[in-house]
Protein backbone atom coordinates (compact mmCIF):
# COMPACT_ATOMS: atom_id res chain seq x y z
CA UNK A 1 33.16 91.14 21.46
CA UNK A 2 36.57 92.53 20.34
CA UNK A 3 38.33 89.59 21.64
CA UNK A 4 36.06 87.32 19.90
CA UNK A 5 36.53 89.34 16.50
CA UNK A 6 40.36 89.09 16.86
CA UNK A 7 39.88 85.36 17.26
CA UNK A 8 37.60 85.04 14.02
CA UNK A 9 40.26 87.11 12.32
CA UNK A 10 43.01 84.65 13.60
CA UNK A 11 41.02 81.70 12.49
CA UNK A 12 40.28 83.25 9.01
CA UNK A 13 43.82 83.75 8.28
CA UNK A 14 44.71 80.47 9.41
CA UNK A 15 41.91 78.79 7.17
CA UNK A 16 43.17 80.82 4.28
CA UNK A 17 47.05 79.65 5.06
CA UNK A 18 45.94 76.23 4.73
CA UNK A 19 46.17 74.55 1.40
CA UNK A 20 44.04 71.75 1.02
CA UNK A 21 45.97 70.29 -1.83
CA UNK A 22 49.12 70.01 0.49
CA UNK A 23 47.14 67.59 2.79
CA UNK A 24 46.16 65.54 -0.36
CA UNK A 25 49.76 65.59 -1.59
CA UNK A 26 51.23 64.42 1.89
CA UNK A 27 48.79 61.77 2.08
CA UNK A 28 49.73 60.33 -1.35
CA UNK A 29 53.23 60.62 -0.97
CA UNK A 30 52.74 58.46 2.35
CA UNK A 31 50.60 56.16 0.47
CA UNK A 32 47.58 56.71 2.71
CA UNK A 33 43.87 56.19 1.63
CA UNK A 34 41.32 58.91 2.76
CA UNK A 35 39.82 56.27 5.04
CA UNK A 36 43.34 55.74 6.71
CA UNK A 37 44.06 59.38 7.17
CA UNK A 38 40.61 60.20 8.46
CA UNK A 39 40.83 57.56 11.02
CA UNK A 40 44.33 58.79 12.16
CA UNK A 41 42.84 62.41 12.65
CA UNK A 42 39.59 61.17 14.03
CA UNK A 43 37.09 62.38 11.53
CA UNK A 44 34.86 60.75 9.02
CA UNK A 45 36.05 60.06 5.37
CA UNK A 46 33.22 62.46 3.94
CA UNK A 47 34.67 65.28 6.05
CA UNK A 48 38.24 64.66 4.84
CA UNK A 49 37.04 64.50 1.21
CA UNK A 50 35.39 67.90 1.49
CA UNK A 51 38.84 69.28 3.16
CA UNK A 52 40.98 68.00 0.28
CA UNK A 53 38.43 69.35 -2.23
CA UNK A 54 38.54 72.96 -0.38
CA UNK A 55 34.80 72.55 0.31
CA UNK A 56 35.49 72.69 4.20
CA UNK A 57 38.40 74.44 6.15
CA UNK A 58 40.77 72.68 8.57
CA UNK A 59 40.08 74.17 11.99
CA UNK A 60 43.17 75.19 14.18
CA UNK A 61 42.22 72.18 16.51
CA UNK A 62 42.51 69.80 13.50
CA UNK A 63 46.02 71.30 12.36
CA UNK A 64 48.23 69.52 15.00
CA UNK A 65 46.12 66.36 14.21
CA UNK A 66 46.88 66.46 10.59
CA UNK A 67 50.63 67.17 11.10
CA UNK A 68 50.78 64.42 13.54
CA UNK A 69 48.79 61.96 11.41
CA UNK A 70 51.10 62.75 8.39
CA UNK A 71 54.27 62.84 10.16
CA UNK A 72 55.23 66.67 9.26
CA UNK A 73 55.29 70.09 10.37
CA UNK A 74 52.32 72.16 10.15
CA UNK A 75 54.10 74.68 7.86
CA UNK A 76 54.13 71.89 5.30
CA UNK A 77 50.22 72.59 4.61
CA UNK A 78 51.02 76.17 3.93
CA UNK A 79 53.75 75.78 1.55
CA UNK A 80 53.14 77.93 -1.67
CA UNK A 81 54.55 75.41 -4.42
CA UNK A 82 52.59 74.64 -7.41
CA UNK A 83 51.88 71.20 -8.14
CA UNK A 84 53.21 69.30 -11.35
CA UNK A 85 51.90 66.35 -13.31
CA UNK A 86 54.22 63.60 -14.70
CA UNK A 87 57.33 64.74 -16.99
CA UNK A 88 57.17 64.76 -20.66
CA UNK A 89 59.04 61.36 -20.95
CA UNK A 90 55.92 60.03 -18.69
CA UNK A 91 54.98 57.56 -21.13
CA UNK A 92 56.82 54.64 -19.81
CA UNK A 93 55.79 55.67 -16.41
CA UNK A 94 51.96 55.33 -16.81
CA UNK A 95 52.19 52.37 -19.15
CA UNK A 96 53.26 50.50 -15.78
CA UNK A 97 49.96 51.46 -14.13
CA UNK A 98 48.53 47.97 -14.94
CA UNK A 99 51.55 46.02 -13.64
CA UNK A 100 52.49 48.16 -10.43
CA UNK A 101 49.25 49.86 -9.69
CA UNK A 102 48.36 53.43 -9.97
CA UNK A 103 48.98 54.02 -6.11
CA UNK A 104 52.53 53.12 -6.32
CA UNK A 105 52.95 55.63 -9.24
CA UNK A 106 50.92 58.26 -7.70
CA UNK A 107 53.03 58.16 -4.42
CA UNK A 108 56.10 58.59 -6.19
CA UNK A 109 54.57 61.63 -8.43
CA UNK A 110 53.61 63.09 -5.00
CA UNK A 111 57.24 62.54 -3.54
CA UNK A 112 58.57 64.45 -6.65
CA UNK A 113 56.26 67.10 -6.27
CA UNK A 114 57.42 67.67 -2.54
CA UNK A 115 61.07 67.39 -3.68
CA UNK A 116 60.50 69.99 -6.26
CA UNK A 117 59.09 72.40 -3.80
CA UNK A 118 62.12 71.75 -1.52
CA UNK A 119 64.77 72.40 -4.26
CA UNK A 120 62.69 75.64 -5.24
CA UNK A 121 62.82 76.92 -1.39
CA UNK A 122 66.70 75.77 -1.54
CA UNK A 123 67.69 77.72 -4.52
CA UNK A 124 66.55 80.94 -2.61
CA UNK A 125 69.79 80.67 -0.40
CA UNK A 126 72.33 80.34 -3.06
CA UNK A 127 73.49 82.02 -6.38
CA UNK A 128 74.71 79.02 -8.27
CA UNK A 129 76.30 79.68 -11.77
CA UNK A 130 76.76 76.41 -13.86
CA UNK A 131 80.44 76.20 -14.92
CA UNK A 132 79.22 74.36 -18.19
CA UNK A 133 76.50 75.51 -20.80
CA UNK A 134 73.29 73.22 -20.97
CA UNK A 135 72.26 73.73 -24.72
CA UNK A 136 69.26 72.71 -26.54
CA UNK A 137 69.24 71.24 -30.06
CA UNK A 138 66.24 70.76 -32.33
CA UNK A 139 66.28 67.11 -34.09
CA UNK A 140 65.25 68.61 -37.17
CA UNK A 141 68.34 70.70 -37.44
CA UNK A 142 70.22 67.35 -37.28
CA UNK A 143 68.52 65.23 -39.88
CA UNK A 144 66.52 63.72 -36.85
CA UNK A 145 69.84 61.81 -35.76
CA UNK A 146 70.29 61.93 -31.69
CA UNK A 147 73.83 60.89 -32.17
CA UNK A 148 74.96 64.18 -33.63
CA UNK A 149 73.42 65.98 -30.75
CA UNK A 150 75.41 63.60 -28.32
CA UNK A 151 78.43 64.71 -30.29
CA UNK A 152 77.77 68.33 -30.01
CA UNK A 153 76.98 67.97 -26.22
CA UNK A 154 80.63 66.25 -25.88
CA UNK A 155 82.05 69.44 -27.72
CA UNK A 156 80.21 72.03 -25.88
CA UNK A 157 81.57 70.48 -22.57
CA UNK A 158 85.16 69.94 -23.68
CA UNK A 159 84.88 66.31 -22.84
CA UNK A 160 88.03 64.47 -23.59
CA UNK A 161 87.95 61.28 -25.91
CA UNK A 162 86.93 57.89 -24.54
CA UNK A 163 84.70 56.93 -21.74
CA UNK A 164 82.88 59.49 -19.46
CA UNK A 165 84.59 58.49 -16.51
CA UNK A 166 82.24 60.51 -13.94
CA UNK A 167 78.97 61.28 -15.80
CA UNK A 168 77.53 62.82 -12.46
CA UNK A 169 80.05 65.47 -12.27
CA UNK A 170 79.58 66.45 -15.83
CA UNK A 171 75.75 66.88 -15.34
CA UNK A 172 76.13 68.76 -12.21
CA UNK A 173 78.87 71.11 -13.53
CA UNK A 174 76.20 72.02 -16.39
CA UNK A 175 73.69 72.82 -13.52
CA UNK A 176 71.66 69.92 -13.51
CA UNK A 177 70.34 68.65 -9.96
CA UNK A 178 70.41 65.01 -9.91
CA UNK A 179 67.89 63.75 -7.16
CA UNK A 180 68.29 60.12 -5.95
CA UNK A 181 64.87 58.39 -4.90
CA UNK A 182 63.55 54.88 -4.38
CA UNK A 183 61.70 53.84 -7.35
CA UNK A 184 61.98 50.22 -7.31
CA UNK A 185 58.20 49.59 -6.45
CA UNK A 186 57.30 51.75 -9.54
CA UNK A 187 59.78 49.74 -11.69
CA UNK A 188 61.42 53.20 -13.15
CA UNK A 189 64.95 53.94 -13.64
CA UNK A 190 64.51 57.87 -13.79
CA UNK A 191 62.67 60.83 -15.14
CA UNK A 192 63.52 64.30 -15.76
CA UNK A 193 61.81 67.66 -15.44
CA UNK A 194 62.67 71.00 -16.84
CA UNK A 195 60.67 73.57 -14.84
CA UNK A 196 60.57 77.33 -15.22
CA UNK A 197 62.69 79.05 -12.63
CA UNK A 198 64.50 76.03 -11.52
CA UNK A 199 67.44 74.01 -12.59
CA UNK A 200 67.09 71.10 -14.65
CA UNK A 201 66.07 68.12 -12.49
CA UNK A 202 66.63 64.53 -12.93
CA UNK A 203 65.01 62.11 -10.47
CA UNK A 204 66.92 58.65 -10.67
CA UNK A 205 66.42 55.21 -8.92
CA UNK A 206 69.09 55.00 -6.54
CA UNK A 207 69.17 51.26 -6.19
CA UNK A 208 69.95 50.19 -9.75
CA UNK A 209 73.22 48.92 -10.81
CA UNK A 210 75.89 51.56 -11.75
CA UNK A 211 75.97 50.82 -15.26
CA UNK A 212 72.20 51.06 -15.41
CA UNK A 213 72.42 54.32 -13.17
CA UNK A 214 74.63 56.09 -15.71
CA UNK A 215 72.85 55.16 -18.65
CA UNK A 216 69.70 56.37 -16.95
CA UNK A 217 71.52 59.67 -16.59
CA UNK A 218 72.73 59.80 -20.00
CA UNK A 219 69.29 58.91 -21.31
CA UNK A 220 67.66 61.90 -19.27
CA UNK A 221 70.28 64.28 -20.53
CA UNK A 222 69.16 63.46 -23.93
CA UNK A 223 65.47 64.31 -22.98
CA UNK A 224 66.83 67.71 -21.44
CA UNK A 225 68.81 68.88 -24.55
CA UNK A 226 66.46 67.20 -27.44
CA UNK A 227 62.66 67.22 -26.04
CA UNK A 228 60.33 70.08 -25.13
CA UNK A 229 57.38 68.57 -26.29
CA UNK A 230 56.50 64.54 -26.09
CA UNK A 231 56.86 62.71 -29.21
CA UNK A 232 56.24 58.94 -30.06
CA UNK A 233 59.95 58.18 -30.69
CA UNK A 234 61.52 60.28 -27.77
CA UNK A 235 62.53 57.07 -25.65
CA UNK A 236 64.30 55.52 -28.52
CA UNK A 237 65.93 58.94 -29.37
CA UNK A 238 67.01 59.34 -25.80
CA UNK A 239 68.72 55.90 -25.92
CA UNK A 240 70.61 56.66 -29.00
CA UNK A 241 71.68 59.91 -27.60
CA UNK A 242 72.85 57.93 -24.41
CA UNK A 243 74.81 55.39 -26.18
CA UNK A 244 76.66 57.88 -28.23
CA UNK A 245 77.43 60.07 -25.35
CA UNK A 246 78.66 57.17 -23.52
CA UNK A 247 80.17 55.18 -26.17
CA UNK A 248 81.11 57.35 -29.34
CA UNK A 249 80.78 55.47 -32.36
CA UNK A 250 84.12 56.50 -34.07
CA UNK A 251 86.10 55.79 -30.92
CA UNK A 252 84.73 52.56 -29.81
CA UNK A 253 83.75 50.89 -33.08
CA UNK A 254 87.29 49.15 -33.54
CA UNK A 255 87.20 47.64 -30.09
CA UNK A 256 83.86 46.12 -31.06
CA UNK A 257 84.87 44.16 -33.99
CA UNK A 258 83.95 40.57 -33.72
CA UNK A 259 83.14 41.30 -30.14
CA UNK A 260 82.64 37.93 -27.67
CA UNK A 261 80.96 37.88 -24.41
CA UNK A 262 84.57 37.73 -22.68
CA UNK A 263 85.35 40.85 -24.51
CA UNK A 264 82.28 42.59 -23.22
CA UNK A 265 83.19 41.58 -19.95
CA UNK A 266 86.59 42.85 -20.06
CA UNK A 267 85.44 46.36 -21.58
CA UNK A 268 82.67 46.82 -19.11
CA UNK A 269 84.75 48.70 -16.27
CA UNK A 270 86.72 50.84 -18.77
CA UNK A 271 83.72 52.11 -20.60
CA UNK A 272 81.50 51.89 -17.60
CA UNK A 273 78.49 50.59 -19.22
CA UNK A 274 76.83 47.34 -19.06
CA UNK A 275 77.90 44.39 -21.32
CA UNK A 276 74.49 44.36 -22.83
CA UNK A 277 75.02 47.83 -23.86
CA UNK A 278 78.24 47.23 -25.71
CA UNK A 279 76.91 44.11 -27.28
CA UNK A 280 73.93 46.17 -28.79
CA UNK A 281 76.34 48.85 -29.61
CA UNK A 282 78.34 46.51 -31.59
CA UNK A 283 75.21 45.26 -33.55
CA UNK A 284 74.12 48.92 -34.17
CA UNK A 285 77.62 49.79 -35.63
CA UNK A 286 77.66 46.82 -37.56
CA UNK A 287 80.79 45.57 -35.93
CA UNK A 288 79.06 42.29 -35.40
CA UNK A 289 76.72 40.39 -37.66
CA UNK A 290 72.81 39.83 -36.65
CA UNK A 291 73.95 36.17 -36.35
CA UNK A 292 76.92 36.87 -34.05
CA UNK A 293 74.53 39.25 -31.94
CA UNK A 294 72.04 36.46 -31.43
CA UNK A 295 74.52 33.89 -30.72
CA UNK A 296 75.97 36.25 -27.91
CA UNK A 297 72.69 37.05 -26.60
CA UNK A 298 71.87 33.28 -26.11
CA UNK A 299 75.08 32.90 -24.33
CA UNK A 300 74.16 35.71 -21.89
CA UNK A 301 70.65 34.19 -21.37
CA UNK A 302 72.32 30.70 -20.60
CA UNK A 303 74.63 32.24 -18.14
CA UNK A 304 71.94 34.29 -16.69
CA UNK A 305 74.01 37.48 -17.46
CA UNK A 306 70.96 39.28 -18.67
CA UNK A 307 69.73 39.07 -15.12
CA UNK A 308 73.03 39.51 -13.37
CA UNK A 309 76.14 40.32 -15.21
CA UNK A 310 79.36 39.14 -13.89
CA UNK A 311 81.45 42.22 -13.58
CA UNK A 312 79.74 44.87 -11.39
CA UNK A 313 80.93 48.73 -11.73
CA UNK A 314 82.31 50.33 -8.72
CA UNK A 315 80.89 53.80 -7.71
CA UNK A 316 84.36 55.56 -7.96
CA UNK A 317 82.86 58.48 -6.19
CA UNK A 318 80.17 58.98 -8.85
CA UNK A 319 77.51 60.19 -6.37
CA UNK A 320 75.48 63.57 -6.70
CA UNK A 321 76.72 66.12 -4.46
CA UNK A 322 74.89 69.50 -5.57
CA UNK A 323 71.58 68.69 -3.87
CA UNK A 324 73.00 67.97 -0.25
CA UNK A 325 75.68 70.99 -0.80
CA UNK A 326 72.48 73.27 -0.81
CA UNK A 327 71.46 71.84 2.32
CA UNK A 328 74.86 72.34 3.68
CA UNK A 329 74.71 76.08 2.76
CA UNK A 330 71.63 76.49 4.32
CA UNK A 331 72.59 74.69 7.61
CA UNK A 332 76.29 75.91 7.85
CA UNK A 333 76.70 79.38 5.78
CA UNK A 334 73.01 80.46 6.51
CA UNK A 335 73.10 79.19 10.11
CA UNK A 336 69.56 77.57 10.08
CA UNK A 337 68.97 75.14 12.86
CA UNK A 338 67.58 71.79 12.33
CA UNK A 339 64.07 73.05 13.79
CA UNK A 340 64.17 76.03 11.51
CA UNK A 341 65.03 73.79 8.26
CA UNK A 342 61.86 71.61 9.55
CA UNK A 343 59.87 74.82 9.71
CA UNK A 344 60.68 76.18 6.12
CA UNK A 345 60.62 72.74 4.43
CA UNK A 346 57.81 71.35 6.46
CA UNK A 347 59.19 67.89 6.99
CA UNK A 348 60.68 66.57 10.19
CA UNK A 349 64.94 66.85 9.97
CA UNK A 350 65.21 63.11 10.09
CA UNK A 351 62.83 62.63 7.05
CA UNK A 352 64.77 65.21 5.22
CA UNK A 353 68.06 63.78 5.83
CA UNK A 354 66.75 60.38 4.94
CA UNK A 355 65.61 61.87 1.72
CA UNK A 356 68.63 63.79 0.90
CA UNK A 357 71.45 62.49 2.73
CA UNK A 358 72.88 65.76 3.46
CA UNK A 359 75.13 64.80 6.31
CA UNK A 360 77.36 63.06 4.29
CA UNK A 361 80.51 64.47 3.07
CA UNK A 362 80.39 65.85 -0.31
CA UNK A 363 82.67 67.41 -3.22
CA UNK A 364 81.29 70.33 -4.85
CA UNK A 365 80.92 73.83 -3.17
CA UNK A 366 78.20 76.36 -4.30
CA UNK A 367 79.02 80.21 -4.74
CA UNK A 368 77.06 82.30 -2.29
């Protein structure tokens, strides 16, 4: 009887440790339907539905079946991380539901939730103190002008005049963790989160051209320093911020006077922005007339440059290093083995390396 009581206690502890929402989260991350997962585990869909709603516990016998079916470590289902909805700048994300499908966006949101949980866990192993401040500015204090805020950020960071050579490095020095994802299916460039207890996070589509990659980073930085709650004009405001940050008006305006398509191609590698961004900037700064702008844009279309610009930017070492360095600290300085890392983060080591690329050489070092 005592042995049976001990067994019952162990089963209850096990059932209380399993969080049903983590089963659903991993299923969504893999893009599986309830029917598909139920078939893999060998149960009916109704049973899985009750499990995911917390109405029916996962048995000890079922746990390895779920872990195998979802290609993860059993510890994944006990991770204590809370789950988050879309970011405050989520309007473009959810406007795409009709064209890309809810399942695709749901899968991406699930992946971002898993990555947020990983980052929270990794931050427990380091004492990282950003080198640069990340201020917040109220647009109302600057006459609703995002360009003035971009000017202030450049001053706060002591950025030199001219183009921003390595925007990734500036953001990471300010403590922003950049997380590269595959967002092609969702048709997104990037999103950002500012979650209590975590550094600011920017999730960015790793597959986009370098000029678009950099503009996306600047755009998301604009959200982080200007927006705490959603507003109808926040995307336009973030674009204005990004343009001023990467192409300061007072500095670039003389070079944009009577801009031609050939000049835009020549200036692109220097300013490290797209030809399209330079052309639009010339119009905004009134360095070309509306007629000139329309003519150049027709040329861009005729030459198919709007689809594929003739000059491509080199990466020039502009890739995130802060997040891979967190893994390096855990693995080398804290002496965690691959198996222990798998158990702590809940995913197999090979998938973690695929998600984060932490085996690559990186630049930054963290302070323990």
